[in-house]
Amino acid sequence: MTNQSEPAHDQSEPAHDRSDGGLSAIISERRQLINLAYRLLGSLAEAEDAVQETYARWYAMSRQQQDAIASPGAWLTKVASRICLDLLGSARARRETYVGEWIPEPLPDRNGWIGGRPGTATAATADPADRVTLDESVSMAFLVVLESMTPAQRVALILHDVFRYSFAEIAEITGRTPAACRELASSARRRIRASGPPEAPAARQAGLVRNFKQAWEARDIGTLIGLLDPGATLTADGGGIVSAALRPVEGGERIARYLVDIAKRTPGNATILERSVNGRPGLMVRREGFTTGVYAFEVGDDRIQHIWAVRNPDKLRPWMMR
């Protein structure tokens, strides 16, 4: 399994005089801003663009204006969140014209993906009824539920439950009252709790995904059906660039037959590898040195409930060298 200590990205840090005493503190915020923007947007590429724009606005100010800001980190977070709010609004229109199903961009090993601000309570000490744990906040299942929320709900939930901003701070970012932001986060939390059964323990998930991989490689329809919940769903994202089911495939037996059909049509040199996908056990398919698909799983009640198959090559760039 791969290990990634920092989020994968290609864009360089803003080029400025590194002798500037405050520069290192400003640049050090980049990792958290990427984490925030990815959770809000569901796209690493869009998250990097949002953070780049945030830094552009910071450096467009005069030194005097910068020095007048008491907390540059808070300023950067506020600007990045507002940029993401704007992008979320336009993203809804873009995704209505997207070819097939749109799935958030999958990420490799989650070690580089963080939540929370220094000096604040951790997930272990916070009230579990009022927080989303770090693991949940980057899982594919969580990100997919976020897609069903309004931009304001999404921002309120992520900033409060994951990054531990107060509702007063969120109100300043969203232009709403603290009470309204609290209700936004509460309604978003209810939507998440209603989205599906509790997840299986990590070891159980890993075992099911490993058995699934072996059965898929063996084209064993019977075993695949046994691993899948009868009401399971497979959602594929090819983006109109590569072949993928345009609508979700529903039912364990239909999914098993669909996957075996894919295996039969896939050249023999394709390899299925176990990988961490958004912090959960998943699979990566490689062919001739290129990653052609990443599969994320939701496991509950000892069966696979949902599979997200990302085949759009534009969403697989962080996986190409893995």
C-alpha atoms as a PDB file:
ATOM      1  CA  MET A   1       0.000   0.000   0.000  1.00  0.00           C
ATOM      2  CA  THR A   2       1.268   3.417  -0.815  1.00  0.00           C
ATOM      3  CA  ASN A   3       2.078   6.015   1.793  1.00  0.00           C
ATOM      4  CA  GLN A   4       1.644   9.683   1.044  1.00  0.00           C
ATOM      5  CA  SER A   5       2.714  12.171   3.683  1.00  0.00           C
ATOM      6  CA  GLU A   6       1.557  15.202   1.687  1.00  0.00           C
ATOM      7  CA  PRO A   7      -1.389  15.657  -0.694  1.00  0.00           C
ATOM      8  CA  ALA A   8      -0.344  15.093  -4.294  1.00  0.00           C
ATOM      9  CA  HIS A   9      -0.244  18.260  -6.362  1.00  0.00           C
ATOM     10  CA  ASP A  10       1.650  19.629  -9.305  1.00  0.00           C
ATOM     11  CA  GLN A  11       1.325  23.346  -8.829  1.00  0.00           C
ATOM     12  CA  SER A  12       4.267  25.034  -7.168  1.00  0.00           C
ATOM     13  CA  GLU A  13       4.027  27.296  -4.152  1.00  0.00           C
ATOM     14  CA  PRO A  14       3.685  31.021  -4.863  1.00  0.00           C
ATOM     15  CA  ALA A  15       7.061  32.420  -5.872  1.00  0.00           C
ATOM     16  CA  HIS A  16       7.991  35.268  -3.548  1.00  0.00           C
ATOM     17  CA  ASP A  17      10.962  36.497  -1.559  1.00  0.00           C
ATOM     18  CA  ARG A  18      11.665  33.647   0.850  1.00  0.00           C
ATOM     19  CA  SER A  19      13.579  35.975   3.158  1.00  0.00           C
ATOM     20  CA  ASP A  20      10.256  37.519   4.135  1.00  0.00           C
ATOM     21  CA  GLY A  21       9.851  36.705   7.821  1.00  0.00           C
ATOM     22  CA  GLY A  22       6.126  36.023   7.548  1.00  0.00           C
ATOM     23  CA  LEU A  23       6.242  34.047   4.328  1.00  0.00           C
ATOM     24  CA  SER A  24       6.875  30.625   5.860  1.00  0.00           C
ATOM     25  CA  ALA A  25       3.834  31.020   8.110  1.00  0.00           C
ATOM     26  CA  ILE A  26       1.664  31.952   5.128  1.00  0.00           C
ATOM     27  CA  ILE A  27       2.953  29.082   3.002  1.00  0.00           C
ATOM     28  CA  SER A  28       2.488  26.633   5.893  1.00  0.00           C
ATOM     29  CA  GLU A  29      -1.266  27.214   5.648  1.00  0.00           C
ATOM     30  CA  ARG A  30      -1.356  25.714   2.152  1.00  0.00           C
ATOM     31  CA  ARG A  31      -1.706  22.109   3.261  1.00  0.00           C
ATOM     32  CA  GLN A  32      -4.719  22.823   5.457  1.00  0.00           C
ATOM     33  CA  LEU A  33      -6.274  25.005   2.755  1.00  0.00           C
ATOM     34  CA  ILE A  34      -5.946  22.149   0.234  1.00  0.00           C
ATOM     35  CA  ASN A  35      -7.545  19.791   2.763  1.00  0.00           C
ATOM     36  CA  LEU A  36     -10.429  22.191   3.309  1.00  0.00           C
ATOM     37  CA  ALA A  37     -10.970  22.956  -0.372  1.00  0.00           C
ATOM     38  CA  TYR A  38     -10.891  19.274  -1.387  1.00  0.00           C
ATOM     39  CA  ARG A  39     -13.580  18.379   1.138  1.00  0.00           C
ATOM     40  CA  LEU A  40     -15.708  21.282  -0.028  1.00  0.00           C
ATOM     41  CA  LEU A  41     -15.274  20.721  -3.770  1.00  0.00           C
ATOM     42  CA  GLY A  42     -14.655  16.971  -4.095  1.00  0.00           C
ATOM     43  CA  SER A  43     -11.932  17.671  -6.658  1.00  0.00           C
ATOM     44  CA  LEU A  44      -8.214  17.974  -6.022  1.00  0.00           C
ATOM     45  CA  ALA A  45      -7.687  19.970  -9.224  1.00  0.00           C
ATOM     46  CA  GLU A  46     -10.415  22.453  -8.283  1.00  0.00           C
ATOM     47  CA  ALA A  47      -9.108  22.596  -4.716  1.00  0.00           C
ATOM     48  CA  GLU A  48      -5.639  23.537  -5.937  1.00  0.00           C
ATOM     49  CA  ASP A  49      -7.097  26.218  -8.189  1.00  0.00           C
ATOM     50  CA  ALA A  50      -9.080  27.644  -5.277  1.00  0.00           C
ATOM     51  CA  VAL A  51      -6.018  27.741  -3.041  1.00  0.00           C
ATOM     52  CA  GLN A  52      -3.903  29.287  -5.787  1.00  0.00           C
ATOM     53  CA  GLU A  53      -6.525  32.023  -6.183  1.00  0.00           C
ATOM     54  CA  THR A  54      -6.525  32.532  -2.406  1.00  0.00           C
ATOM     55  CA  TYR A  55      -2.772  33.127  -2.402  1.00  0.00           C
ATOM     56  CA  ALA A  56      -3.066  35.399  -5.431  1.00  0.00           C
ATOM     57  CA  ARG A  57      -5.478  37.613  -3.491  1.00  0.00           C
ATOM     58  CA  TRP A  58      -3.142  37.678  -0.481  1.00  0.00           C
ATOM     59  CA  TYR A  59      -0.155  38.759  -2.543  1.00  0.00           C
ATOM     60  CA  ALA A  60      -2.222  41.296  -4.460  1.00  0.00           C
ATOM     61  CA  MET A  61      -2.444  43.300  -1.234  1.00  0.00           C
ATOM     62  CA  SER A  62       0.218  45.762  -0.179  1.00  0.00           C
ATOM     63  CA  ARG A  63       2.569  44.849   2.640  1.00  0.00           C
ATOM     64  CA  GLN A  64       0.804  47.388   4.812  1.00  0.00           C
ATOM     65  CA  GLN A  65      -2.560  45.748   4.157  1.00  0.00           C
ATOM     66  CA  GLN A  66      -1.103  42.322   4.967  1.00  0.00           C
ATOM     67  CA  ASP A  67       0.425  43.557   8.231  1.00  0.00           C
ATOM     68  CA  ALA A  68      -2.958  44.938   9.277  1.00  0.00           C
ATOM     69  CA  ILE A  69      -4.465  41.429   9.246  1.00  0.00           C
ATOM     70  CA  ALA A  70      -4.266  40.013  12.775  1.00  0.00           C
ATOM     71  CA  SER A  71      -4.550  36.356  11.734  1.00  0.00           C
ATOM     72  CA  PRO A  72      -3.347  35.619   8.181  1.00  0.00           C
ATOM     73  CA  GLY A  73      -4.357  31.963   8.557  1.00  0.00           C
ATOM     74  CA  ALA A  74      -7.933  32.900   9.404  1.00  0.00           C
ATOM     75  CA  TRP A  75      -7.970  35.364   6.513  1.00  0.00           C
ATOM     76  CA  LEU A  76      -6.756  32.704   4.073  1.00  0.00           C
ATOM     77  CA  THR A  77      -9.367  30.221   5.310  1.00  0.00           C
ATOM     78  CA  LYS A  78     -12.140  32.790   4.982  1.00  0.00           C
ATOM     79  CA  VAL A  79     -11.136  33.716   1.429  1.00  0.00           C
ATOM     80  CA  ALA A  80     -10.647  30.082   0.374  1.00  0.00           C
ATOM     81  CA  SER A  81     -14.069  29.150   1.793  1.00  0.00           C
ATOM     82  CA  ARG A  82     -15.764  31.994  -0.077  1.00  0.00           C
ATOM     83  CA  ILE A  83     -14.023  31.003  -3.311  1.00  0.00           C
ATOM     84  CA  CYS A  84     -15.205  27.411  -2.775  1.00  0.00           C
ATOM     85  CA  LEU A  85     -18.764  28.640  -2.152  1.00  0.00           C
ATOM     86  CA  ASP A  86     -18.715  30.408  -5.506  1.00  0.00           C
ATOM     87  CA  LEU A  87     -17.227  27.357  -7.229  1.00  0.00           C
ATOM     88  CA  LEU A  88     -19.837  25.054  -5.700  1.00  0.00           C
ATOM     89  CA  GLY A  89     -22.581  27.163  -7.209  1.00  0.00           C
ATOM     90  CA  SER A  90     -21.100  26.985 -10.694  1.00  0.00           C
ATOM     91  CA  ALA A  91     -20.167  23.311 -10.272  1.00  0.00           C
ATOM     92  CA  ARG A  92     -23.813  22.328  -9.967  1.00  0.00           C
ATOM     93  CA  ALA A  93     -24.499  23.752 -13.428  1.00  0.00           C
ATOM     94  CA  ARG A  94     -21.424  22.039 -14.901  1.00  0.00           C
ATOM     95  CA  ARG A  95     -22.345  18.676 -13.440  1.00  0.00           C
ATOM     96  CA  GLU A  96     -25.814  18.834 -14.942  1.00  0.00           C
ATOM     97  CA  THR A  97     -24.138  18.594 -18.366  1.00  0.00           C
ATOM     98  CA  TYR A  98     -21.536  16.016 -17.267  1.00  0.00           C
ATOM     99  CA  VAL A  99     -21.601  12.812 -19.324  1.00  0.00           C
ATOM    100  CA  GLY A 100     -22.801  10.016 -17.027  1.00  0.00           C
ATOM    101  CA  GLU A 101     -22.463  10.028 -13.253  1.00  0.00           C
ATOM    102  CA  TRP A 102     -20.149  12.485 -11.473  1.00  0.00           C
ATOM    103  CA  ILE A 103     -18.102  11.008  -8.616  1.00  0.00           C
ATOM    104  CA  PRO A 104     -15.723  12.967  -6.365  1.00  0.00           C
ATOM    105  CA  GLU A 105     -12.071  12.595  -7.290  1.00  0.00           C
ATOM    106  CA  PRO A 106     -10.559   9.626  -5.408  1.00  0.00           C
ATOM    107  CA  LEU A 107      -7.426  10.159  -3.349  1.00  0.00           C
ATOM    108  CA  PRO A 108      -4.548   7.848  -2.428  1.00  0.00           C
ATOM    109  CA  ASP A 109      -3.488   7.143   1.147  1.00  0.00           C
ATOM    110  CA  ARG A 110      -5.100   9.660   3.505  1.00  0.00           C
ATOM    111  CA  ASN A 111      -2.060  10.280   5.763  1.00  0.00           C
ATOM    112  CA  GLY A 112      -1.637  13.709   4.211  1.00  0.00           C
ATOM    113  CA  TRP A 113      -5.266  14.685   4.757  1.00  0.00           C
ATOM    114  CA  ILE A 114      -5.947  16.506   7.974  1.00  0.00           C
ATOM    115  CA  GLY A 115      -8.730  18.191   9.872  1.00  0.00           C
ATOM    116  CA  GLY A 116      -8.897  20.747  12.602  1.00  0.00           C
ATOM    117  CA  ARG A 117      -6.878  23.702  13.769  1.00  0.00           C
ATOM    118  CA  PRO A 118      -3.828  23.641  16.063  1.00  0.00           C
ATOM    119  CA  GLY A 119      -4.674  23.829  19.729  1.00  0.00           C
ATOM    120  CA  THR A 120      -8.299  22.754  19.393  1.00  0.00           C
ATOM    121  CA  ALA A 121     -10.074  19.640  20.630  1.00  0.00           C
ATOM    122  CA  THR A 122      -9.431  16.423  18.746  1.00  0.00           C
ATOM    123  CA  ALA A 123     -12.037  14.025  17.431  1.00  0.00           C
ATOM    124  CA  ALA A 124     -11.408  11.832  20.461  1.00  0.00           C
ATOM    125  CA  THR A 125     -12.327  14.587  22.935  1.00  0.00           C
ATOM    126  CA  ALA A 126     -15.154  16.267  21.028  1.00  0.00           C
ATOM    127  CA  ASP A 127     -18.796  15.371  21.424  1.00  0.00           C
ATOM    128  CA  PRO A 128     -19.349  12.542  18.896  1.00  0.00           C
ATOM    129  CA  ALA A 129     -22.958  13.627  18.408  1.00  0.00           C
ATOM    130  CA  ASP A 130     -21.797  17.039  17.245  1.00  0.00           C
ATOM    131  CA  ARG A 131     -18.826  16.064  15.078  1.00  0.00           C
ATOM    132  CA  VAL A 132     -17.907  14.126  12.010  1.00  0.00           C
ATOM    133  CA  THR A 133     -14.733  12.154  12.569  1.00  0.00           C
ATOM    134  CA  LEU A 134     -11.680  12.772  10.429  1.00  0.00           C
ATOM    135  CA  ASP A 135     -11.958   9.387   8.735  1.00  0.00           C
ATOM    136  CA  GLU A 136     -15.560  10.001   7.718  1.00  0.00           C
ATOM    137  CA  SER A 137     -14.829  13.478   6.411  1.00  0.00           C
ATOM    138  CA  VAL A 138     -12.713  12.221   3.542  1.00  0.00           C
ATOM    139  CA  SER A 139     -14.386   8.883   2.741  1.00  0.00           C
ATOM    140  CA  MET A 140     -16.037   8.512  -0.636  1.00  0.00           C
ATOM    141  CA  ALA A 141     -19.407   7.769   0.982  1.00  0.00           C
ATOM    142  CA  PHE A 142     -19.211  11.016   2.951  1.00  0.00           C
ATOM    143  CA  LEU A 143     -18.162  13.079  -0.076  1.00  0.00           C
ATOM    144  CA  VAL A 144     -21.001  11.651  -2.151  1.00  0.00           C
ATOM    145  CA  VAL A 145     -23.542  12.666   0.512  1.00  0.00           C
ATOM    146  CA  LEU A 146     -22.003  16.153   0.553  1.00  0.00           C
ATOM    147  CA  GLU A 147     -22.827  16.404  -3.148  1.00  0.00           C
ATOM    148  CA  SER A 148     -26.534  16.258  -2.292  1.00  0.00           C
ATOM    149  CA  MET A 149     -26.276  19.273   0.036  1.00  0.00           C
ATOM    150  CA  THR A 150     -26.547  22.956  -0.698  1.00  0.00           C
ATOM    151  CA  PRO A 151     -23.208  24.815  -0.846  1.00  0.00           C
ATOM    152  CA  ALA A 152     -24.026  26.602   2.422  1.00  0.00           C
ATOM    153  CA  GLN A 153     -24.801  23.321   4.225  1.00  0.00           C
ATOM    154  CA  ARG A 154     -21.579  21.844   2.967  1.00  0.00           C
ATOM    155  CA  VAL A 155     -19.461  24.789   4.088  1.00  0.00           C
ATOM    156  CA  ALA A 156     -21.125  24.993   7.519  1.00  0.00           C
ATOM    157  CA  LEU A 157     -20.673  21.269   8.169  1.00  0.00           C
ATOM    158  CA  ILE A 158     -17.052  21.032   7.038  1.00  0.00           C
ATOM    159  CA  LEU A 159     -15.865  24.209   8.738  1.00  0.00           C
ATOM    160  CA  HIS A 160     -17.580  23.368  12.034  1.00  0.00           C
ATOM    161  CA  ASP A 161     -17.512  19.586  12.334  1.00  0.00           C
ATOM    162  CA  VAL A 162     -14.156  18.927  10.698  1.00  0.00           C
ATOM    163  CA  PHE A 163     -12.111  22.109  11.009  1.00  0.00           C
ATOM    164  CA  ARG A 164     -13.727  23.229  14.284  1.00  0.00           C
ATOM    165  CA  TYR A 165     -14.585  26.796  13.364  1.00  0.00           C
ATOM    166  CA  SER A 166     -17.236  28.455  15.512  1.00  0.00           C
ATOM    167  CA  PHE A 167     -20.609  29.304  14.042  1.00  0.00           C
ATOM    168  CA  ALA A 168     -19.799  32.974  14.548  1.00  0.00           C
ATOM    169  CA  GLU A 169     -16.740  32.566  12.318  1.00  0.00           C
ATOM    170  CA  ILE A 170     -18.735  30.579   9.756  1.00  0.00           C
ATOM    171  CA  ALA A 171     -21.418  33.272   9.751  1.00  0.00           C
ATOM    172  CA  GLU A 172     -18.798  35.821   8.760  1.00  0.00           C
ATOM    173  CA  ILE A 173     -17.690  33.610   5.882  1.00  0.00           C
ATOM    174  CA  THR A 174     -21.154  32.734   4.574  1.00  0.00           C
ATOM    175  CA  GLY A 175     -22.916  36.025   5.255  1.00  0.00           C
ATOM    176  CA  ARG A 176     -25.547  34.319   7.438  1.00  0.00           C
ATOM    177  CA  THR A 177     -26.312  34.482  11.140  1.00  0.00           C
ATOM    178  CA  PRO A 178     -24.612  32.089  13.583  1.00  0.00           C
ATOM    179  CA  ALA A 179     -28.018  30.530  14.325  1.00  0.00           C
ATOM    180  CA  ALA A 180     -28.630  29.946  10.625  1.00  0.00           C
ATOM    181  CA  CYS A 181     -25.192  28.338  10.259  1.00  0.00           C
ATOM    182  CA  ARG A 182     -25.886  26.083  13.226  1.00  0.00           C
ATOM    183  CA  GLU A 183     -29.109  24.924  11.585  1.00  0.00           C
ATOM    184  CA  LEU A 184     -27.308  24.380   8.269  1.00  0.00           C
ATOM    185  CA  ALA A 185     -24.768  22.125   9.975  1.00  0.00           C
ATOM    186  CA  SER A 186     -27.498  20.275  11.888  1.00  0.00           C
ATOM    187  CA  SER A 187     -29.532  19.580   8.753  1.00  0.00           C
ATOM    188  CA  ALA A 188     -26.376  18.427   6.947  1.00  0.00           C
ATOM    189  CA  ARG A 189     -25.556  16.123   9.861  1.00  0.00           C
ATOM    190  CA  ARG A 190     -29.037  14.594   9.771  1.00  0.00           C
ATOM    191  CA  ARG A 191     -28.641  13.921   6.066  1.00  0.00           C
ATOM    192  CA  ILE A 192     -25.369  12.083   6.706  1.00  0.00           C
ATOM    193  CA  ARG A 193     -26.826   9.972   9.500  1.00  0.00           C
ATOM    194  CA  ALA A 194     -29.724   8.960   7.256  1.00  0.00           C
ATOM    195  CA  SER A 195     -27.480   8.055   4.338  1.00  0.00           C
ATOM    196  CA  GLY A 196     -26.744   4.455   5.234  1.00  0.00           C
ATOM    197  CA  PRO A 197     -25.889   1.810   7.856  1.00  0.00           C
ATOM    198  CA  PRO A 198     -22.822   2.140  10.114  1.00  0.00           C
ATOM    199  CA  GLU A 199     -19.580   1.155   8.468  1.00  0.00           C
ATOM    200  CA  ALA A 200     -17.967  -2.186   9.201  1.00  0.00           C
ATOM    201  CA  PRO A 201     -14.650  -2.227  11.121  1.00  0.00           C
ATOM    202  CA  ALA A 202     -11.601  -1.475   8.973  1.00  0.00           C
ATOM    203  CA  ALA A 203     -10.255  -5.032   9.159  1.00  0.00           C
ATOM    204  CA  ARG A 204     -13.599  -6.430   8.014  1.00  0.00           C
ATOM    205  CA  GLN A 205     -13.724  -3.935   5.150  1.00  0.00           C
ATOM    206  CA  ALA A 206     -10.225  -4.890   4.043  1.00  0.00           C
ATOM    207  CA  GLY A 207     -11.102  -8.574   4.114  1.00  0.00           C
ATOM    208  CA  LEU A 208     -14.247  -8.097   2.043  1.00  0.00           C
ATOM    209  CA  VAL A 209     -12.442  -5.979  -0.543  1.00  0.00           C
ATOM    210  CA  ARG A 210      -9.634  -8.542  -0.762  1.00  0.00           C
ATOM    211  CA  ASN A 211     -12.152 -11.360  -1.279  1.00  0.00           C
ATOM    212  CA  PHE A 212     -13.930  -9.219  -3.850  1.00  0.00           C
ATOM    213  CA  LYS A 213     -10.650  -8.676  -5.731  1.00  0.00           C
ATOM    214  CA  GLN A 214      -9.903 -12.392  -5.808  1.00  0.00           C
ATOM    215  CA  ALA A 215     -13.414 -13.293  -6.969  1.00  0.00           C
ATOM    216  CA  TRP A 216     -13.299 -10.603  -9.662  1.00  0.00           C
ATOM    217  CA  GLU A 217      -9.938 -11.862 -10.922  1.00  0.00           C
ATOM    218  CA  ALA A 218     -11.345 -15.416 -10.990  1.00  0.00           C
ATOM    219  CA  ARG A 219     -14.557 -14.186 -12.676  1.00  0.00           C
ATOM    220  CA  ASP A 220     -16.459 -16.009  -9.953  1.00  0.00           C
ATOM    221  CA  ILE A 221     -19.982 -14.630 -10.220  1.00  0.00           C
ATOM    222  CA  GLY A 222     -21.335 -16.699  -7.336  1.00  0.00           C
ATOM    223  CA  THR A 223     -18.736 -15.455  -4.855  1.00  0.00           C
ATOM    224  CA  LEU A 224     -19.167 -11.866  -6.000  1.00  0.00           C
ATOM    225  CA  ILE A 225     -22.920 -12.111  -5.447  1.00  0.00           C
ATOM    226  CA  GLY A 226     -22.274 -13.424  -1.939  1.00  0.00           C
ATOM    227  CA  LEU A 227     -20.047 -10.466  -1.104  1.00  0.00           C
ATOM    228  CA  LEU A 228     -22.510  -7.885  -2.422  1.00  0.00           C
ATOM    229  CA  ASP A 229     -25.666  -6.772  -0.649  1.00  0.00           C
ATOM    230  CA  PRO A 230     -28.735  -7.737  -2.741  1.00  0.00           C
ATOM    231  CA  GLY A 231     -29.592  -4.037  -2.960  1.00  0.00           C
ATOM    232  CA  ALA A 232     -26.033  -2.891  -3.689  1.00  0.00           C
ATOM    233  CA  THR A 233     -25.301  -0.145  -6.220  1.00  0.00           C
ATOM    234  CA  LEU A 234     -22.328   0.422  -8.498  1.00  0.00           C
ATOM    235  CA  THR A 235     -21.785   3.954  -9.800  1.00  0.00           C
ATOM    236  CA  ALA A 236     -19.214   4.524 -12.540  1.00  0.00           C
ATOM    237  CA  ASP A 237     -17.631   7.761 -13.729  1.00  0.00           C
ATOM    238  CA  GLY A 238     -16.024   7.835 -17.161  1.00  0.00           C
ATOM    239  CA  GLY A 239     -16.715  11.488 -17.818  1.00  0.00           C
ATOM    240  CA  GLY A 240     -17.549  10.743 -21.446  1.00  0.00           C
ATOM    241  CA  ILE A 241     -13.820  10.120 -22.005  1.00  0.00           C
ATOM    242  CA  VAL A 242     -13.721   6.361 -21.434  1.00  0.00           C
ATOM    243  CA  SER A 243     -16.383   3.682 -21.442  1.00  0.00           C
ATOM    244  CA  ALA A 244     -18.432   3.458 -18.230  1.00  0.00           C
ATOM    245  CA  ALA A 245     -22.022   2.756 -17.254  1.00  0.00           C
ATOM    246  CA  LEU A 246     -23.963   5.999 -17.739  1.00  0.00           C
ATOM    247  CA  ARG A 247     -26.389   5.100 -14.943  1.00  0.00           C
ATOM    248  CA  PRO A 248     -25.881   3.247 -11.651  1.00  0.00           C
ATOM    249  CA  VAL A 249     -25.988  -0.545 -11.830  1.00  0.00           C
ATOM    250  CA  GLU A 250     -28.369  -1.774  -9.129  1.00  0.00           C
ATOM    251  CA  GLY A 251     -28.619  -5.165  -7.482  1.00  0.00           C
ATOM    252  CA  GLY A 252     -25.864  -7.529  -6.335  1.00  0.00           C
ATOM    253  CA  GLU A 253     -26.359 -10.062  -9.127  1.00  0.00           C
ATOM    254  CA  ARG A 254     -26.428  -7.414 -11.868  1.00  0.00           C
ATOM    255  CA  ILE A 255     -23.263  -5.828 -10.492  1.00  0.00           C
ATOM    256  CA  ALA A 256     -21.479  -9.193 -10.344  1.00  0.00           C
ATOM    257  CA  ARG A 257     -22.351  -9.985 -13.951  1.00  0.00           C
ATOM    258  CA  TYR A 258     -21.418  -6.474 -15.070  1.00  0.00           C
ATOM    259  CA  LEU A 259     -17.973  -6.740 -13.445  1.00  0.00           C
ATOM    260  CA  VAL A 260     -17.291 -10.195 -14.818  1.00  0.00           C
ATOM    261  CA  ASP A 261     -18.233  -8.924 -18.265  1.00  0.00           C
ATOM    262  CA  ILE A 262     -15.718  -6.108 -17.826  1.00  0.00           C
ATOM    263  CA  ALA A 263     -13.054  -8.641 -16.803  1.00  0.00           C
ATOM    264  CA  LYS A 264     -13.740 -10.733 -19.894  1.00  0.00           C
ATOM    265  CA  ARG A 265     -13.344  -7.683 -22.140  1.00  0.00           C
ATOM    266  CA  THR A 266     -10.203  -6.430 -20.347  1.00  0.00           C
ATOM    267  CA  PRO A 267      -6.840  -7.532 -21.798  1.00  0.00           C
ATOM    268  CA  GLY A 268      -4.961 -10.112 -19.784  1.00  0.00           C
ATOM    269  CA  ASN A 269      -2.211  -7.712 -18.781  1.00  0.00           C
ATOM    270  CA  ALA A 270      -4.529  -5.681 -16.551  1.00  0.00           C
ATOM    271  CA  THR A 271      -3.666  -5.892 -12.840  1.00  0.00           C
ATOM    272  CA  ILE A 272      -5.938  -5.290  -9.849  1.00  0.00           C
ATOM    273  CA  LEU A 273      -4.141  -3.920  -6.777  1.00  0.00           C
ATOM    274  CA  GLU A 274      -5.316  -3.276  -3.227  1.00  0.00           C
ATOM    275  CA  ARG A 275      -4.979   0.397  -2.313  1.00  0.00           C
ATOM    276  CA  SER A 276      -6.274   2.858   0.259  1.00  0.00           C
ATOM    277  CA  VAL A 277      -8.913   5.014  -1.437  1.00  0.00           C
ATOM    278  CA  ASN A 278      -9.969   8.081   0.552  1.00  0.00           C
ATOM    279  CA  GLY A 279      -8.869   6.360   3.730  1.00  0.00           C
ATOM    280  CA  ARG A 280     -10.761   3.126   3.074  1.00  0.00           C
ATOM    281  CA  PRO A 281      -9.763  -0.235   1.555  1.00  0.00           C
ATOM    282  CA  GLY A 282     -10.182  -0.032  -2.210  1.00  0.00           C
ATOM    283  CA  LEU A 283      -8.829  -1.267  -5.516  1.00  0.00           C
ATOM    284  CA  MET A 284      -6.797   0.195  -8.361  1.00  0.00           C
ATOM    285  CA  VAL A 285      -6.698  -1.268 -11.877  1.00  0.00           C
ATOM    286  CA  ARG A 286      -3.545  -0.811 -13.944  1.00  0.00           C
ATOM    287  CA  ARG A 287      -2.886  -1.684 -17.561  1.00  0.00           C
ATOM    288  CA  GLU A 288       0.413  -1.241 -19.391  1.00  0.00           C
ATOM    289  CA  GLY A 289       1.757   0.979 -16.631  1.00  0.00           C
ATOM    290  CA  PHE A 290      -1.277   3.282 -16.487  1.00  0.00           C
ATOM    291  CA  THR A 291      -4.005   3.480 -13.865  1.00  0.00           C
ATOM    292  CA  THR A 292      -7.311   2.904 -15.637  1.00  0.00           C
ATOM    293  CA  GLY A 293      -9.679   2.743 -12.687  1.00  0.00           C
ATOM    294  CA  VAL A 294      -9.980   3.283  -8.949  1.00  0.00           C
ATOM    295  CA  TYR A 295     -12.720   1.552  -6.973  1.00  0.00           C
ATOM    296  CA  ALA A 296     -14.025   2.803  -3.627  1.00  0.00           C
ATOM    297  CA  PHE A 297     -16.332   0.704  -1.449  1.00  0.00           C
ATOM    298  CA  GLU A 298     -18.948   1.251   1.220  1.00  0.00           C
ATOM    299  CA  VAL A 299     -19.328  -1.730   3.532  1.00  0.00           C
ATOM    300  CA  GLY A 300     -22.149  -2.226   6.024  1.00  0.00           C
ATOM    301  CA  ASP A 301     -23.880  -5.220   7.606  1.00  0.00           C
ATOM    302  CA  ASP A 302     -20.957  -7.416   6.442  1.00  0.00           C
ATOM    303  CA  ARG A 303     -21.791  -6.844   2.774  1.00  0.00           C
ATOM    304  CA  ILE A 304     -20.598  -4.404   0.130  1.00  0.00           C
ATOM    305  CA  GLN A 305     -23.332  -1.788  -0.154  1.00  0.00           C
ATOM    306  CA  HIS A 306     -21.902   0.540  -2.766  1.00  0.00           C
ATOM    307  CA  ILE A 307     -19.044   0.630  -5.260  1.00  0.00           C
ATOM    308  CA  TRP A 308     -17.788   3.839  -6.859  1.00  0.00           C
ATOM    309  CA  ALA A 309     -15.758   3.160  -9.992  1.00  0.00           C
ATOM    310  CA  VAL A 310     -13.775   6.180 -11.176  1.00  0.00           C
ATOM    311  CA  ARG A 311     -12.450   5.696 -14.707  1.00  0.00           C
ATOM    312  CA  ASN A 312     -12.269   9.293 -15.913  1.00  0.00           C
ATOM    313  CA  PRO A 313      -8.516   9.748 -16.523  1.00  0.00           C
ATOM    314  CA  ASP A 314      -8.729  13.414 -15.538  1.00  0.00           C
ATOM    315  CA  LYS A 315      -9.591  12.250 -11.998  1.00  0.00           C
ATOM    316  CA  LEU A 316      -6.848   9.610 -11.818  1.00  0.00           C
ATOM    317  CA  ARG A 317      -3.746  11.810 -12.131  1.00  0.00           C
ATOM    318  CA  PRO A 318      -2.703  11.376  -8.453  1.00  0.00           C
ATOM    319  CA  TRP A 319      -2.758   7.606  -9.070  1.00  0.00           C
ATOM    320  CA  MET A 320      -0.666   7.396 -12.224  1.00  0.00           C
ATOM    321  CA  MET A 321       2.647   6.645 -10.515  1.00  0.00           C
ATOM    322  CA  ARG A 322       1.305   4.383  -7.796  1.00  0.00           C
END
